[in-house]
């Protein structure tokens, strides 16, 4: 069995390799899509009564699937956005230099942390409702290390009230200034 913190490291490395191949601009769109997914969930949980009621009546596994489904849909859209012909032919999405690859590597790793870390957080808040994923064992060093990671996962610090709004504002300004 593999620990979730090891899986986090594996996904960070895997996303970093993908990011190096895609370039920084495409990976930046994925980062923005993850932040948009967290913003969407934050707004739904705070301001939409139907969603709040549905979350309280659903099983933990259903809540996990709903939240991770919203995240997956927006991340998928973030990865597919550069396929739009107007954006795909733009000079901003072409990789010419080593710095594009290196920035893509860094942003890809950040995206791996954001995506897998968010999924892990949702799994943790759902109480690990699936038989194929066990909660970290507090009696082992590996389990204790995994539990220490929980407080550093993206939703614990990014989905707080001022942080998510600031992140969305920064993303929006970046899109307007750099990508448009």
N, C-alpha and C. Protein backbone atom coordinates (compact mmCIF):
# COMPACT_ATOMS: atom_id res chain seq x y z
N UNK A 1 0.85 -1.17 0.00
CA UNK A 1 0.00 0.00 0.00
C UNK A 1 0.90 1.23 0.00
N UNK A 2 0.45 2.28 -0.67
CA UNK A 2 1.23 3.51 -0.80
C UNK A 2 0.53 4.62 -0.02
N UNK A 3 1.31 5.45 0.62
CA UNK A 3 0.75 6.53 1.42
C UNK A 3 0.30 7.68 0.51
N UNK A 4 -0.67 8.44 0.98
CA UNK A 4 -1.20 9.54 0.18
C UNK A 4 -0.17 10.65 -0.02
N UNK A 5 0.72 10.87 0.95
CA UNK A 5 1.73 11.91 0.75
C UNK A 5 2.75 11.49 -0.30
N UNK A 6 3.00 10.18 -0.44
CA UNK A 6 3.86 9.70 -1.53
C UNK A 6 3.15 9.88 -2.86
N UNK A 7 1.85 9.58 -2.89
CA UNK A 7 1.07 9.79 -4.11
C UNK A 7 1.07 11.26 -4.51
N UNK A 8 1.01 12.15 -3.53
CA UNK A 8 1.08 13.58 -3.82
C UNK A 8 2.39 13.91 -4.52
N UNK A 9 3.49 13.38 -4.01
CA UNK A 9 4.79 13.61 -4.65
C UNK A 9 4.85 13.05 -6.06
N UNK A 10 4.27 11.88 -6.26
CA UNK A 10 4.26 11.27 -7.59
C UNK A 10 3.46 12.13 -8.56
N UNK A 11 2.30 12.62 -8.11
CA UNK A 11 1.48 13.45 -9.00
C UNK A 11 2.13 14.80 -9.27
N UNK A 12 2.83 15.35 -8.29
CA UNK A 12 3.55 16.60 -8.53
C UNK A 12 4.61 16.39 -9.62
N UNK A 13 5.35 15.29 -9.53
CA UNK A 13 6.38 15.00 -10.54
C UNK A 13 5.76 14.73 -11.91
N UNK A 14 4.67 13.99 -11.94
CA UNK A 14 4.01 13.69 -13.20
C UNK A 14 3.45 14.95 -13.86
N UNK A 15 2.78 15.78 -13.08
CA UNK A 15 2.24 17.03 -13.63
C UNK A 15 3.37 17.97 -14.05
N UNK A 16 4.50 17.93 -13.34
CA UNK A 16 5.64 18.78 -13.71
C UNK A 16 6.19 18.38 -15.07
N UNK A 17 6.28 17.07 -15.32
CA UNK A 17 6.75 16.62 -16.64
C UNK A 17 5.79 17.04 -17.74
N UNK A 18 4.50 16.90 -17.48
CA UNK A 18 3.51 17.33 -18.46
C UNK A 18 3.61 18.84 -18.67
N UNK A 19 3.80 19.58 -17.59
CA UNK A 19 3.94 21.03 -17.70
C UNK A 19 5.15 21.45 -18.50
N UNK A 20 6.26 20.72 -18.36
CA UNK A 20 7.46 21.04 -19.13
C UNK A 20 7.21 20.84 -20.62
N UNK A 21 6.41 19.84 -20.96
CA UNK A 21 6.12 19.59 -22.38
C UNK A 21 5.11 20.59 -22.94
N UNK A 22 4.21 21.09 -22.10
CA UNK A 22 3.15 21.99 -22.58
C UNK A 22 3.57 23.45 -22.59
N UNK A 23 4.44 23.87 -21.71
CA UNK A 23 4.84 25.27 -21.64
C UNK A 23 4.09 26.03 -20.56
N UNK A 24 4.61 27.20 -20.22
CA UNK A 24 4.09 27.94 -19.08
C UNK A 24 2.71 28.52 -19.31
N UNK A 25 2.42 29.00 -20.49
CA UNK A 25 1.14 29.67 -20.73
C UNK A 25 -0.03 28.70 -20.62
N UNK A 26 0.13 27.51 -21.16
CA UNK A 26 -0.93 26.52 -21.07
C UNK A 26 -1.11 26.04 -19.63
N UNK A 27 -0.01 25.91 -18.92
CA UNK A 27 -0.09 25.47 -17.52
C UNK A 27 -0.70 26.56 -16.63
N UNK A 28 -0.47 27.81 -17.00
CA UNK A 28 -1.07 28.90 -16.24
C UNK A 28 -2.59 28.85 -16.34
N UNK A 29 -3.11 28.48 -17.50
CA UNK A 29 -4.56 28.35 -17.66
C UNK A 29 -5.11 27.23 -16.77
N UNK A 30 -4.36 26.17 -16.61
CA UNK A 30 -4.79 25.08 -15.72
C UNK A 30 -4.79 25.56 -14.26
N UNK A 31 -3.78 26.30 -13.89
CA UNK A 31 -3.74 26.86 -12.53
C UNK A 31 -4.96 27.73 -12.28
N UNK A 32 -5.29 28.56 -13.25
CA UNK A 32 -6.46 29.43 -13.11
C UNK A 32 -7.74 28.61 -13.05
N UNK A 33 -7.80 27.51 -13.77
CA UNK A 33 -9.02 26.69 -13.73
C UNK A 33 -9.19 26.01 -12.37
N UNK A 34 -8.10 25.62 -11.73
CA UNK A 34 -8.20 25.04 -10.38
C UNK A 34 -8.67 26.11 -9.40
N UNK A 35 -8.13 27.30 -9.50
CA UNK A 35 -8.55 28.38 -8.62
C UNK A 35 -10.02 28.72 -8.88
N UNK A 36 -10.44 28.71 -10.14
CA UNK A 36 -11.84 28.95 -10.47
C UNK A 36 -12.74 27.87 -9.88
N UNK A 37 -12.29 26.63 -9.90
CA UNK A 37 -13.09 25.54 -9.32
C UNK A 37 -13.26 25.74 -7.82
N UNK A 38 -12.19 26.11 -7.13
CA UNK A 38 -12.30 26.36 -5.69
C UNK A 38 -13.17 27.56 -5.40
N UNK A 39 -13.07 28.59 -6.24
CA UNK A 39 -13.92 29.77 -6.09
C UNK A 39 -15.39 29.40 -6.29
N UNK A 40 -15.66 28.59 -7.32
CA UNK A 40 -17.02 28.16 -7.60
C UNK A 40 -17.60 27.39 -6.42
N UNK A 41 -16.84 26.47 -5.88
CA UNK A 41 -17.31 25.71 -4.71
C UNK A 41 -17.50 26.60 -3.50
N UNK A 42 -16.62 27.56 -3.32
CA UNK A 42 -16.77 28.49 -2.19
C UNK A 42 -18.04 29.32 -2.32
N UNK A 43 -18.31 29.81 -3.53
CA UNK A 43 -19.53 30.60 -3.76
C UNK A 43 -20.77 29.72 -3.59
N UNK A 44 -20.73 28.51 -4.13
CA UNK A 44 -21.87 27.61 -3.98
C UNK A 44 -22.16 27.31 -2.50
N UNK A 45 -21.11 27.04 -1.74
CA UNK A 45 -21.29 26.71 -0.33
C UNK A 45 -21.74 27.91 0.49
N UNK A 46 -21.37 29.11 0.06
CA UNK A 46 -21.71 30.30 0.83
C UNK A 46 -23.03 30.94 0.45
N UNK A 47 -23.38 30.94 -0.84
CA UNK A 47 -24.49 31.76 -1.30
C UNK A 47 -25.64 31.03 -1.99
N UNK A 48 -25.51 29.75 -2.24
CA UNK A 48 -26.57 29.03 -2.94
C UNK A 48 -27.27 28.08 -1.96
N UNK A 49 -28.48 28.44 -1.54
CA UNK A 49 -29.17 27.62 -0.53
C UNK A 49 -29.43 26.18 -0.97
N UNK A 50 -29.76 26.00 -2.26
CA UNK A 50 -30.01 24.64 -2.75
C UNK A 50 -28.77 23.76 -2.60
N UNK A 51 -27.62 24.31 -2.91
CA UNK A 51 -26.37 23.55 -2.81
C UNK A 51 -26.05 23.23 -1.36
N UNK A 52 -26.21 24.23 -0.47
CA UNK A 52 -25.94 23.98 0.96
C UNK A 52 -26.85 22.89 1.51
N UNK A 53 -28.11 22.92 1.12
CA UNK A 53 -29.06 21.90 1.58
C UNK A 53 -28.70 20.53 1.01
N UNK A 54 -28.34 20.50 -0.26
CA UNK A 54 -27.98 19.22 -0.88
C UNK A 54 -26.74 18.61 -0.23
N UNK A 55 -25.76 19.44 0.10
CA UNK A 55 -24.53 18.95 0.73
C UNK A 55 -24.82 18.33 2.10
N UNK A 56 -25.74 18.92 2.83
CA UNK A 56 -26.04 18.40 4.18
C UNK A 56 -26.84 17.10 4.14
N UNK A 57 -27.58 16.86 3.06
CA UNK A 57 -28.39 15.65 3.00
C UNK A 57 -27.71 14.50 2.25
N UNK A 58 -26.62 14.77 1.56
CA UNK A 58 -25.94 13.74 0.77
C UNK A 58 -25.00 12.91 1.65
N UNK A 59 -24.66 11.74 1.15
CA UNK A 59 -23.66 10.92 1.82
C UNK A 59 -22.28 11.54 1.59
N UNK A 60 -21.31 11.13 2.40
CA UNK A 60 -19.96 11.67 2.27
C UNK A 60 -19.36 11.35 0.91
N UNK A 61 -19.62 10.15 0.42
CA UNK A 61 -19.10 9.77 -0.90
C UNK A 61 -19.72 10.63 -2.00
N UNK A 62 -21.00 10.95 -1.89
CA UNK A 62 -21.66 11.79 -2.90
C UNK A 62 -21.12 13.21 -2.88
N UNK A 63 -20.85 13.73 -1.69
CA UNK A 63 -20.27 15.07 -1.58
C UNK A 63 -18.88 15.08 -2.21
N UNK A 64 -18.10 14.03 -1.95
CA UNK A 64 -16.78 13.93 -2.56
C UNK A 64 -16.88 13.92 -4.08
N UNK A 65 -17.81 13.11 -4.62
CA UNK A 65 -17.95 13.03 -6.07
C UNK A 65 -18.44 14.35 -6.66
N UNK A 66 -19.31 15.06 -5.96
CA UNK A 66 -19.80 16.33 -6.48
C UNK A 66 -18.68 17.36 -6.53
N UNK A 67 -17.95 17.50 -5.43
CA UNK A 67 -16.87 18.49 -5.39
C UNK A 67 -15.75 18.13 -6.35
N UNK A 68 -15.36 16.87 -6.36
CA UNK A 68 -14.28 16.48 -7.26
C UNK A 68 -14.73 16.50 -8.72
N UNK A 69 -16.02 16.31 -8.97
CA UNK A 69 -16.54 16.42 -10.33
C UNK A 69 -16.45 17.84 -10.86
N UNK A 70 -16.79 18.81 -10.01
CA UNK A 70 -16.66 20.21 -10.41
C UNK A 70 -15.20 20.55 -10.66
N UNK A 71 -14.33 20.09 -9.78
CA UNK A 71 -12.89 20.31 -9.97
C UNK A 71 -12.41 19.67 -11.26
N UNK A 72 -12.77 18.42 -11.49
CA UNK A 72 -12.33 17.70 -12.69
C UNK A 72 -12.83 18.36 -13.96
N UNK A 73 -14.08 18.82 -13.95
CA UNK A 73 -14.63 19.46 -15.15
C UNK A 73 -13.88 20.74 -15.49
N UNK A 74 -13.58 21.55 -14.49
CA UNK A 74 -12.87 22.80 -14.77
C UNK A 74 -11.40 22.56 -15.10
N UNK A 75 -10.78 21.56 -14.48
CA UNK A 75 -9.40 21.24 -14.84
C UNK A 75 -9.34 20.70 -16.26
N UNK A 76 -10.29 19.86 -16.62
CA UNK A 76 -10.36 19.37 -18.00
C UNK A 76 -10.51 20.53 -18.98
N UNK A 77 -11.38 21.47 -18.65
CA UNK A 77 -11.55 22.65 -19.51
C UNK A 77 -10.25 23.45 -19.59
N UNK A 78 -9.53 23.55 -18.48
CA UNK A 78 -8.25 24.26 -18.49
C UNK A 78 -7.22 23.59 -19.37
N UNK A 79 -7.21 22.27 -19.39
CA UNK A 79 -6.27 21.56 -20.26
C UNK A 79 -6.69 21.61 -21.72
N UNK A 80 -7.97 21.73 -22.00
CA UNK A 80 -8.45 21.74 -23.38
C UNK A 80 -8.53 23.13 -23.98
N UNK A 81 -8.47 24.18 -23.20
CA UNK A 81 -8.62 25.54 -23.71
C UNK A 81 -7.66 25.88 -24.83
N UNK A 82 -6.39 25.55 -24.75
CA UNK A 82 -5.49 25.90 -25.85
C UNK A 82 -5.82 25.19 -27.17
N UNK A 83 -6.76 24.28 -27.18
CA UNK A 83 -7.16 23.62 -28.43
C UNK A 83 -8.06 24.52 -29.27
N UNK A 84 -8.56 25.61 -28.70
CA UNK A 84 -9.35 26.57 -29.47
C UNK A 84 -8.44 27.16 -30.55
N UNK A 85 -8.84 27.13 -31.82
CA UNK A 85 -7.92 27.53 -32.90
C UNK A 85 -7.31 28.91 -32.73
N UNK A 86 -8.08 29.88 -32.28
CA UNK A 86 -7.54 31.24 -32.14
C UNK A 86 -6.44 31.28 -31.10
N UNK A 87 -6.62 30.55 -30.00
CA UNK A 87 -5.60 30.53 -28.95
C UNK A 87 -4.43 29.62 -29.32
N UNK A 88 -4.70 28.54 -30.03
CA UNK A 88 -3.65 27.60 -30.38
C UNK A 88 -2.63 28.20 -31.35
N UNK A 89 -3.07 29.11 -32.19
CA UNK A 89 -2.16 29.72 -33.16
C UNK A 89 -1.49 30.98 -32.61
N UNK A 90 -1.87 31.40 -31.44
CA UNK A 90 -1.29 32.60 -30.84
C UNK A 90 0.18 32.35 -30.48
N UNK A 91 0.99 33.38 -30.60
CA UNK A 91 2.40 33.28 -30.25
C UNK A 91 2.61 33.01 -28.76
N UNK A 92 1.66 33.40 -27.93
CA UNK A 92 1.82 33.23 -26.49
C UNK A 92 1.85 31.77 -26.06
N UNK A 93 1.29 30.88 -26.85
CA UNK A 93 1.22 29.48 -26.49
C UNK A 93 2.30 28.64 -27.17
N UNK A 94 3.16 29.25 -27.94
CA UNK A 94 4.25 28.51 -28.57
C UNK A 94 5.46 28.53 -27.63
N UNK A 95 6.17 27.42 -27.59
CA UNK A 95 7.35 27.32 -26.73
C UNK A 95 8.59 27.51 -27.59
N UNK A 96 9.37 28.53 -27.28
CA UNK A 96 10.56 28.81 -28.06
C UNK A 96 11.83 28.64 -27.24
N UNK A 97 11.76 28.93 -25.99
CA UNK A 97 12.96 29.02 -25.18
C UNK A 97 12.96 28.00 -24.05
N UNK A 98 14.15 27.82 -23.48
CA UNK A 98 14.29 26.93 -22.33
C UNK A 98 13.48 27.44 -21.15
N UNK A 99 13.37 28.75 -21.03
CA UNK A 99 12.62 29.31 -19.90
C UNK A 99 11.15 28.94 -19.96
N UNK A 100 10.57 28.80 -21.13
CA UNK A 100 9.19 28.35 -21.25
C UNK A 100 9.03 26.95 -20.71
N UNK A 101 9.99 26.08 -21.00
CA UNK A 101 9.95 24.71 -20.51
C UNK A 101 10.13 24.67 -19.00
N UNK A 102 11.09 25.44 -18.48
CA UNK A 102 11.34 25.44 -17.04
C UNK A 102 10.16 26.02 -16.26
N UNK A 103 9.58 27.11 -16.77
CA UNK A 103 8.39 27.67 -16.11
C UNK A 103 7.22 26.70 -16.19
N UNK A 104 7.10 26.00 -17.31
CA UNK A 104 6.07 24.98 -17.45
C UNK A 104 6.27 23.85 -16.46
N UNK A 105 7.53 23.47 -16.23
CA UNK A 105 7.85 22.43 -15.25
C UNK A 105 7.41 22.86 -13.85
N UNK A 106 7.73 24.09 -13.49
CA UNK A 106 7.36 24.60 -12.15
C UNK A 106 5.85 24.71 -12.02
N UNK A 107 5.20 25.32 -13.01
CA UNK A 107 3.74 25.47 -12.94
C UNK A 107 3.03 24.12 -13.01
N UNK A 108 3.57 23.18 -13.75
CA UNK A 108 2.99 21.84 -13.78
C UNK A 108 3.06 21.18 -12.42
N UNK A 109 4.18 21.32 -11.73
CA UNK A 109 4.29 20.79 -10.37
C UNK A 109 3.30 21.45 -9.42
N UNK A 110 3.13 22.76 -9.56
CA UNK A 110 2.14 23.47 -8.74
C UNK A 110 0.75 22.96 -9.05
N UNK A 111 0.47 22.71 -10.33
CA UNK A 111 -0.84 22.18 -10.71
C UNK A 111 -1.07 20.78 -10.14
N UNK A 112 -0.03 19.96 -10.12
CA UNK A 112 -0.15 18.64 -9.50
C UNK A 112 -0.49 18.75 -8.03
N UNK A 113 0.18 19.68 -7.36
CA UNK A 113 -0.10 19.92 -5.94
C UNK A 113 -1.53 20.43 -5.77
N UNK A 114 -1.96 21.35 -6.61
CA UNK A 114 -3.30 21.91 -6.48
C UNK A 114 -4.39 20.86 -6.77
N UNK A 115 -4.22 20.10 -7.84
CA UNK A 115 -5.26 19.13 -8.23
C UNK A 115 -5.30 17.96 -7.26
N UNK A 116 -4.17 17.26 -7.08
CA UNK A 116 -4.19 16.09 -6.21
C UNK A 116 -4.38 16.49 -4.75
N UNK A 117 -3.79 17.61 -4.34
CA UNK A 117 -3.96 18.08 -2.97
C UNK A 117 -5.41 18.42 -2.66
N UNK A 118 -6.11 19.01 -3.61
CA UNK A 118 -7.52 19.32 -3.42
C UNK A 118 -8.35 18.05 -3.36
N UNK A 119 -8.06 17.10 -4.24
CA UNK A 119 -8.79 15.82 -4.18
C UNK A 119 -8.54 15.10 -2.86
N UNK A 120 -7.30 15.13 -2.40
CA UNK A 120 -6.97 14.50 -1.12
C UNK A 120 -7.72 15.19 0.02
N UNK A 121 -7.80 16.52 -0.02
CA UNK A 121 -8.53 17.26 1.02
C UNK A 121 -10.01 16.87 1.02
N UNK A 122 -10.61 16.80 -0.16
CA UNK A 122 -12.02 16.40 -0.23
C UNK A 122 -12.21 14.96 0.27
N UNK A 123 -11.26 14.11 -0.03
CA UNK A 123 -11.31 12.73 0.46
C UNK A 123 -11.20 12.70 1.99
N UNK A 124 -10.33 13.53 2.53
CA UNK A 124 -10.14 13.60 3.98
C UNK A 124 -11.39 14.14 4.67
N UNK A 125 -11.97 15.20 4.12
CA UNK A 125 -13.17 15.76 4.75
C UNK A 125 -14.37 14.83 4.63
N UNK A 126 -14.34 13.95 3.62
CA UNK A 126 -15.42 12.96 3.48
C UNK A 126 -15.21 11.77 4.40
N UNK A 127 -14.05 11.71 5.06
CA UNK A 127 -13.79 10.61 5.99
C UNK A 127 -13.31 9.34 5.31
N UNK A 128 -12.69 9.46 4.14
CA UNK A 128 -12.18 8.31 3.39
C UNK A 128 -13.26 7.25 3.24
N UNK A 129 -14.34 7.58 2.50
CA UNK A 129 -15.50 6.68 2.45
C UNK A 129 -15.35 5.46 1.54
N UNK A 130 -14.22 5.29 0.92
CA UNK A 130 -14.06 4.20 -0.03
C UNK A 130 -13.15 3.12 0.55
N UNK A 131 -13.44 1.87 0.22
CA UNK A 131 -12.67 0.75 0.75
C UNK A 131 -11.25 0.70 0.17
N UNK A 132 -11.07 1.22 -1.04
CA UNK A 132 -9.76 1.13 -1.68
C UNK A 132 -8.80 2.24 -1.25
N UNK A 133 -9.26 3.19 -0.42
CA UNK A 133 -8.39 4.24 0.11
C UNK A 133 -8.55 4.24 1.63
N UNK A 134 -7.46 3.98 2.32
CA UNK A 134 -7.49 3.95 3.78
C UNK A 134 -7.01 5.28 4.34
N UNK A 135 -7.60 5.68 5.44
CA UNK A 135 -7.15 6.89 6.13
C UNK A 135 -5.74 6.66 6.65
N UNK A 136 -4.94 7.73 6.73
CA UNK A 136 -3.59 7.57 7.27
C UNK A 136 -3.64 7.03 8.70
N UNK A 137 -2.76 6.08 8.98
CA UNK A 137 -2.70 5.44 10.29
C UNK A 137 -1.83 6.29 11.22
N UNK A 138 -2.40 6.78 12.29
CA UNK A 138 -1.66 7.65 13.22
C UNK A 138 -0.60 6.89 14.00
N UNK A 139 -0.64 5.58 13.96
CA UNK A 139 0.33 4.76 14.70
C UNK A 139 1.64 4.56 13.93
N UNK A 140 1.68 4.95 12.67
CA UNK A 140 2.90 4.80 11.88
C UNK A 140 3.49 6.17 11.56
N UNK A 141 4.79 6.18 11.27
CA UNK A 141 5.43 7.44 10.91
C UNK A 141 4.92 7.97 9.57
N UNK A 142 4.66 7.06 8.66
CA UNK A 142 4.13 7.46 7.35
C UNK A 142 2.75 8.08 7.50
N UNK A 143 1.92 7.49 8.33
CA UNK A 143 0.58 8.03 8.56
C UNK A 143 0.62 9.38 9.24
N UNK A 144 1.54 9.54 10.17
CA UNK A 144 1.68 10.83 10.85
C UNK A 144 2.16 11.90 9.86
N UNK A 145 3.08 11.52 8.97
CA UNK A 145 3.55 12.47 7.96
C UNK A 145 2.41 12.86 7.03
N UNK A 146 1.58 11.89 6.65
CA UNK A 146 0.44 12.19 5.78
C UNK A 146 -0.55 13.12 6.48
N UNK A 147 -0.78 12.89 7.75
CA UNK A 147 -1.71 13.75 8.49
C UNK A 147 -1.17 15.17 8.66
N UNK A 148 0.14 15.31 8.76
CA UNK A 148 0.73 16.65 8.83
C UNK A 148 0.52 17.42 7.53
N UNK A 149 0.45 16.69 6.41
CA UNK A 149 0.24 17.33 5.11
C UNK A 149 -1.15 17.93 4.97
N UNK A 150 -2.12 17.42 5.71
CA UNK A 150 -3.51 17.88 5.57
C UNK A 150 -3.62 19.39 5.76
N UNK A 151 -2.89 19.94 6.70
CA UNK A 151 -3.00 21.38 6.95
C UNK A 151 -2.34 22.23 5.88
N UNK A 152 -1.59 21.60 4.97
CA UNK A 152 -0.94 22.34 3.89
C UNK A 152 -1.60 22.12 2.53
N UNK A 153 -2.67 21.35 2.50
CA UNK A 153 -3.36 21.11 1.23
C UNK A 153 -4.09 22.38 0.78
N UNK A 154 -4.24 22.58 -0.52
CA UNK A 154 -4.75 23.86 -1.05
C UNK A 154 -6.05 24.38 -0.43
N UNK A 155 -7.10 23.59 -0.26
CA UNK A 155 -8.33 24.17 0.27
C UNK A 155 -8.21 24.71 1.70
N UNK A 156 -7.26 24.22 2.48
CA UNK A 156 -7.15 24.71 3.86
C UNK A 156 -6.70 26.16 3.91
N UNK A 157 -5.89 26.59 2.95
CA UNK A 157 -5.43 27.97 2.98
C UNK A 157 -6.00 28.81 1.83
N UNK A 158 -6.44 28.16 0.75
CA UNK A 158 -6.92 28.93 -0.40
C UNK A 158 -8.42 29.18 -0.37
N UNK A 159 -9.18 28.31 0.26
CA UNK A 159 -10.63 28.49 0.25
C UNK A 159 -11.13 29.29 1.45
N UNK A 160 -10.24 30.01 2.12
CA UNK A 160 -10.68 30.93 3.15
C UNK A 160 -11.24 32.18 2.48
N UNK A 161 -12.06 32.91 3.18
CA UNK A 161 -12.82 34.00 2.55
C UNK A 161 -11.97 35.04 1.84
N UNK A 162 -10.98 35.68 2.44
CA UNK A 162 -10.29 36.68 1.62
C UNK A 162 -9.33 36.06 0.60
N UNK A 163 -8.74 34.92 0.92
CA UNK A 163 -7.71 34.35 0.05
C UNK A 163 -8.26 33.96 -1.32
N UNK A 164 -9.41 33.34 -1.38
CA UNK A 164 -9.95 32.88 -2.66
C UNK A 164 -10.35 34.06 -3.54
N UNK A 165 -10.88 35.12 -2.93
CA UNK A 165 -11.25 36.30 -3.71
C UNK A 165 -10.02 37.02 -4.25
N UNK A 166 -8.98 37.08 -3.46
CA UNK A 166 -7.73 37.70 -3.91
C UNK A 166 -7.11 36.87 -5.03
N UNK A 167 -7.14 35.55 -4.89
CA UNK A 167 -6.58 34.67 -5.92
C UNK A 167 -7.33 34.83 -7.24
N UNK A 168 -8.65 34.91 -7.19
CA UNK A 168 -9.43 35.10 -8.42
C UNK A 168 -9.13 36.46 -9.04
N UNK A 169 -9.00 37.49 -8.22
CA UNK A 169 -8.69 38.82 -8.75
C UNK A 169 -7.31 38.84 -9.42
N UNK A 170 -6.32 38.20 -8.79
CA UNK A 170 -4.98 38.15 -9.37
C UNK A 170 -5.01 37.38 -10.69
N UNK A 171 -5.73 36.27 -10.73
CA UNK A 171 -5.84 35.49 -11.97
C UNK A 171 -6.49 36.31 -13.07
N UNK A 172 -7.54 37.01 -12.74
CA UNK A 172 -8.25 37.80 -13.73
C UNK A 172 -7.37 38.92 -14.28
N UNK A 173 -6.65 39.60 -13.40
CA UNK A 173 -5.73 40.66 -13.84
C UNK A 173 -4.64 40.06 -14.72
N UNK A 174 -4.11 38.90 -14.33
CA UNK A 174 -3.06 38.25 -15.13
C UNK A 174 -3.56 37.91 -16.52
N UNK A 175 -4.76 37.39 -16.59
CA UNK A 175 -5.33 37.04 -17.90
C UNK A 175 -5.49 38.29 -18.76
N UNK A 176 -6.00 39.37 -18.17
CA UNK A 176 -6.19 40.61 -18.94
C UNK A 176 -4.89 41.23 -19.40
N UNK A 177 -3.89 41.22 -18.51
CA UNK A 177 -2.64 41.92 -18.82
C UNK A 177 -1.71 41.08 -19.68
N UNK A 178 -1.57 39.81 -19.38
CA UNK A 178 -0.56 38.99 -20.06
C UNK A 178 -1.12 38.18 -21.22
N UNK A 179 -2.25 37.52 -21.02
CA UNK A 179 -2.71 36.57 -22.02
C UNK A 179 -3.61 37.18 -23.09
N UNK A 180 -4.23 38.32 -22.83
CA UNK A 180 -5.14 38.89 -23.82
C UNK A 180 -4.43 39.94 -24.65
